[in-house]
Amino acid sequence: MRNGTFEQLTVEEVLQTFGPEARAFLRENRIDRSNLRFADACAAASVTPDEFFAQLDAGLRRRVARAARHSVAEYA
């Protein structure tokens, strides 16, 4: 998957776009909030933008799945 559109954003714009979910992944990959292009910040942290977004996607899917399981258990 290529995220060319997001690679051109700044780190701050990525954070604003994806909200608090992205903050943990930025911190985990040691990418600080800045006006650097996201692709450049990822390169400095030795992570590819595709890898970052794959981790973010997996984290979001886990969060949604946990919420769904909680809802099912609550109404069962």
N, C-alpha and C. Protein backbone atom coordinates (compact mmCIF):
# COMPACT_ATOMS: atom_id res chain seq x y z
N MET A 1 0.85 -1.17 0.00
CA MET A 1 0.00 0.00 0.00
C MET A 1 0.90 1.23 0.00
N ARG A 2 0.64 2.15 -0.88
CA ARG A 2 1.40 3.39 -0.92
C ARG A 2 0.53 4.53 -0.41
N ASN A 3 1.09 5.29 0.49
CA ASN A 3 0.38 6.41 1.10
C ASN A 3 0.99 7.72 0.66
N GLY A 4 1.17 7.89 -0.63
CA GLY A 4 1.82 9.07 -1.17
C GLY A 4 1.18 10.36 -0.73
N THR A 5 -0.12 10.38 -0.62
CA THR A 5 -0.80 11.59 -0.20
C THR A 5 -0.40 11.97 1.22
N PHE A 6 -0.40 11.01 2.11
CA PHE A 6 -0.08 11.29 3.51
C PHE A 6 1.41 11.58 3.71
N GLU A 7 2.25 11.02 2.86
CA GLU A 7 3.69 11.26 2.98
C GLU A 7 4.02 12.73 2.79
N GLN A 8 3.20 13.45 2.05
CA GLN A 8 3.46 14.86 1.78
C GLN A 8 2.98 15.77 2.91
N LEU A 9 2.17 15.25 3.82
CA LEU A 9 1.69 16.04 4.95
C LEU A 9 2.81 16.25 5.95
N THR A 10 2.64 17.23 6.81
CA THR A 10 3.58 17.39 7.92
C THR A 10 3.17 16.44 9.03
N VAL A 11 4.06 16.23 9.99
CA VAL A 11 3.75 15.37 11.13
C VAL A 11 2.54 15.91 11.87
N GLU A 12 2.49 17.21 12.05
CA GLU A 12 1.36 17.83 12.75
C GLU A 12 0.05 17.59 12.01
N GLU A 13 0.06 17.65 10.69
CA GLU A 13 -1.15 17.40 9.90
C GLU A 13 -1.60 15.95 10.01
N VAL A 14 -0.66 15.03 10.06
CA VAL A 14 -1.01 13.61 10.24
C VAL A 14 -1.67 13.44 11.61
N LEU A 15 -1.12 14.07 12.62
CA LEU A 15 -1.69 13.98 13.96
C LEU A 15 -3.10 14.57 13.99
N GLN A 16 -3.31 15.69 13.34
CA GLN A 16 -4.64 16.29 13.30
C GLN A 16 -5.62 15.44 12.51
N THR A 17 -5.15 14.78 11.46
CA THR A 17 -6.02 13.95 10.63
C THR A 17 -6.46 12.69 11.36
N PHE A 18 -5.53 12.03 12.03
CA PHE A 18 -5.82 10.74 12.66
C PHE A 18 -6.08 10.82 14.15
N GLY A 19 -5.91 11.98 14.74
CA GLY A 19 -6.28 12.19 16.13
C GLY A 19 -5.42 11.46 17.13
N PRO A 20 -6.00 11.20 18.30
CA PRO A 20 -5.24 10.61 19.40
C PRO A 20 -4.67 9.22 19.10
N GLU A 21 -5.31 8.50 18.19
CA GLU A 21 -4.82 7.17 17.85
C GLU A 21 -3.40 7.24 17.29
N ALA A 22 -3.14 8.27 16.50
CA ALA A 22 -1.83 8.41 15.88
C ALA A 22 -0.76 8.84 16.88
N ARG A 23 -1.16 9.52 17.93
CA ARG A 23 -0.20 10.05 18.91
C ARG A 23 0.64 8.93 19.52
N ALA A 24 0.01 7.82 19.90
CA ALA A 24 0.75 6.71 20.50
C ALA A 24 1.75 6.11 19.52
N PHE A 25 1.36 5.99 18.27
CA PHE A 25 2.26 5.42 17.27
C PHE A 25 3.40 6.38 16.93
N LEU A 26 3.12 7.67 16.93
CA LEU A 26 4.18 8.65 16.73
C LEU A 26 5.20 8.56 17.86
N ARG A 27 4.69 8.47 19.09
CA ARG A 27 5.56 8.37 20.25
C ARG A 27 6.36 7.07 20.22
N GLU A 28 5.70 5.97 19.88
CA GLU A 28 6.36 4.66 19.83
C GLU A 28 7.50 4.64 18.81
N ASN A 29 7.31 5.33 17.70
CA ASN A 29 8.33 5.38 16.65
C ASN A 29 9.28 6.57 16.80
N ARG A 30 9.14 7.28 17.92
CA ARG A 30 10.00 8.42 18.24
C ARG A 30 9.95 9.51 17.17
N ILE A 31 8.74 9.77 16.70
CA ILE A 31 8.53 10.85 15.74
C ILE A 31 7.87 11.98 16.52
N ASP A 32 8.53 13.14 16.56
CA ASP A 32 7.99 14.23 17.33
C ASP A 32 7.08 15.10 16.48
N ARG A 33 6.24 15.85 17.18
CA ARG A 33 5.34 16.78 16.48
C ARG A 33 6.17 17.90 15.90
N SER A 34 6.06 18.07 14.61
CA SER A 34 6.87 19.11 13.97
C SER A 34 6.24 19.50 12.65
N ASN A 35 6.89 20.45 11.99
CA ASN A 35 6.45 20.86 10.67
C ASN A 35 7.24 20.17 9.57
N LEU A 36 7.99 19.11 9.96
CA LEU A 36 8.69 18.30 8.95
C LEU A 36 7.67 17.54 8.12
N ARG A 37 8.05 17.28 6.88
CA ARG A 37 7.21 16.39 6.08
C ARG A 37 7.19 15.04 6.77
N PHE A 38 6.04 14.39 6.77
CA PHE A 38 5.89 13.12 7.45
C PHE A 38 6.88 12.09 6.93
N ALA A 39 7.09 12.04 5.62
CA ALA A 39 8.04 11.08 5.03
C ALA A 39 9.45 11.33 5.55
N ASP A 40 9.84 12.59 5.69
CA ASP A 40 11.18 12.91 6.21
C ASP A 40 11.31 12.54 7.68
N ALA A 41 10.26 12.79 8.46
CA ALA A 41 10.29 12.45 9.88
C ALA A 41 10.35 10.93 10.05
N CYS A 42 9.65 10.19 9.22
CA CYS A 42 9.70 8.72 9.28
C CYS A 42 11.10 8.23 8.93
N ALA A 43 11.70 8.81 7.91
CA ALA A 43 13.05 8.41 7.50
C ALA A 43 14.05 8.66 8.64
N ALA A 44 13.90 9.78 9.33
CA ALA A 44 14.79 10.09 10.44
C ALA A 44 14.61 9.10 11.59
N ALA A 45 13.40 8.52 11.72
CA ALA A 45 13.11 7.56 12.79
C ALA A 45 13.28 6.12 12.31
N SER A 46 13.77 5.93 11.09
CA SER A 46 14.00 4.60 10.51
C SER A 46 12.73 3.76 10.43
N VAL A 47 11.65 4.39 10.05
CA VAL A 47 10.39 3.68 9.82
C VAL A 47 9.82 4.20 8.51
N THR A 48 9.22 3.33 7.72
CA THR A 48 8.62 3.79 6.48
C THR A 48 7.21 4.29 6.76
N PRO A 49 6.74 5.26 6.00
CA PRO A 49 5.36 5.72 6.19
C PRO A 49 4.35 4.58 6.04
N ASP A 50 4.59 3.66 5.10
CA ASP A 50 3.67 2.52 4.93
C ASP A 50 3.62 1.67 6.19
N GLU A 51 4.77 1.43 6.80
CA GLU A 51 4.83 0.64 8.03
C GLU A 51 4.08 1.36 9.16
N PHE A 52 4.28 2.66 9.25
CA PHE A 52 3.60 3.45 10.28
C PHE A 52 2.09 3.33 10.12
N PHE A 53 1.59 3.52 8.89
CA PHE A 53 0.15 3.47 8.68
C PHE A 53 -0.41 2.06 8.84
N ALA A 54 0.39 1.04 8.55
CA ALA A 54 -0.06 -0.34 8.78
C ALA A 54 -0.23 -0.58 10.28
N GLN A 55 0.71 -0.09 11.09
CA GLN A 55 0.60 -0.22 12.54
C GLN A 55 -0.60 0.56 13.06
N LEU A 56 -0.81 1.75 12.55
CA LEU A 56 -1.94 2.57 12.96
C LEU A 56 -3.26 1.89 12.61
N ASP A 57 -3.34 1.34 11.39
CA ASP A 57 -4.55 0.65 10.96
C ASP A 57 -4.83 -0.56 11.84
N ALA A 58 -3.81 -1.34 12.15
CA ALA A 58 -3.99 -2.51 13.00
C ALA A 58 -4.46 -2.10 14.39
N GLY A 59 -3.90 -1.04 14.92
CA GLY A 59 -4.30 -0.55 16.24
C GLY A 59 -5.75 -0.08 16.25
N LEU A 60 -6.16 0.61 15.21
CA LEU A 60 -7.54 1.08 15.13
C LEU A 60 -8.50 -0.09 15.01
N ARG A 61 -8.13 -1.10 14.22
CA ARG A 61 -9.00 -2.28 14.07
C ARG A 61 -9.14 -3.03 15.39
N ARG A 62 -8.04 -3.14 16.17
CA ARG A 62 -8.12 -3.80 17.47
C ARG A 62 -9.04 -3.02 18.41
N ARG A 63 -8.94 -1.70 18.38
CA ARG A 63 -9.77 -0.88 19.26
C ARG A 63 -11.24 -1.05 18.92
N VAL A 64 -11.57 -1.06 17.64
CA VAL A 64 -12.96 -1.24 17.20
C VAL A 64 -13.46 -2.63 17.58
N ALA A 65 -12.61 -3.65 17.41
CA ALA A 65 -13.01 -5.01 17.75
C ALA A 65 -13.27 -5.15 19.26
N ARG A 66 -12.42 -4.53 20.08
CA ARG A 66 -12.63 -4.57 21.53
C ARG A 66 -13.95 -3.91 21.90
N ALA A 67 -14.24 -2.78 21.28
CA ALA A 67 -15.48 -2.07 21.57
C ALA A 67 -16.68 -2.91 21.16
N ALA A 68 -16.57 -3.59 20.03
CA ALA A 68 -17.67 -4.43 19.56
C ALA A 68 -17.88 -5.61 20.51
N ARG A 69 -16.78 -6.24 20.97
CA ARG A 69 -16.91 -7.36 21.91
C ARG A 69 -17.54 -6.90 23.22
N HIS A 70 -17.15 -5.71 23.66
CA HIS A 70 -17.71 -5.17 24.90
C HIS A 70 -19.21 -4.93 24.73
N SER A 71 -19.61 -4.39 23.60
CA SER A 71 -21.03 -4.13 23.35
C SER A 71 -21.84 -5.42 23.31
N VAL A 72 -21.28 -6.45 22.67
CA VAL A 72 -21.99 -7.73 22.58
C VAL A 72 -22.12 -8.33 23.96
N ALA A 73 -21.06 -8.31 24.76
CA ALA A 73 -21.10 -8.87 26.10
C ALA A 73 -22.09 -8.10 26.99
N GLU A 74 -22.16 -6.81 26.78
CA GLU A 74 -23.05 -5.97 27.59
C GLU A 74 -24.51 -6.30 27.33
N TYR A 75 -24.88 -6.61 26.09
CA TYR A 75 -26.26 -6.86 25.74
C TYR A 75 -26.64 -8.33 25.72
N ALA A 76 -25.65 -9.19 25.98
CA ALA A 76 -25.95 -10.64 25.96
C ALA A 76 -26.60 -11.09 27.23
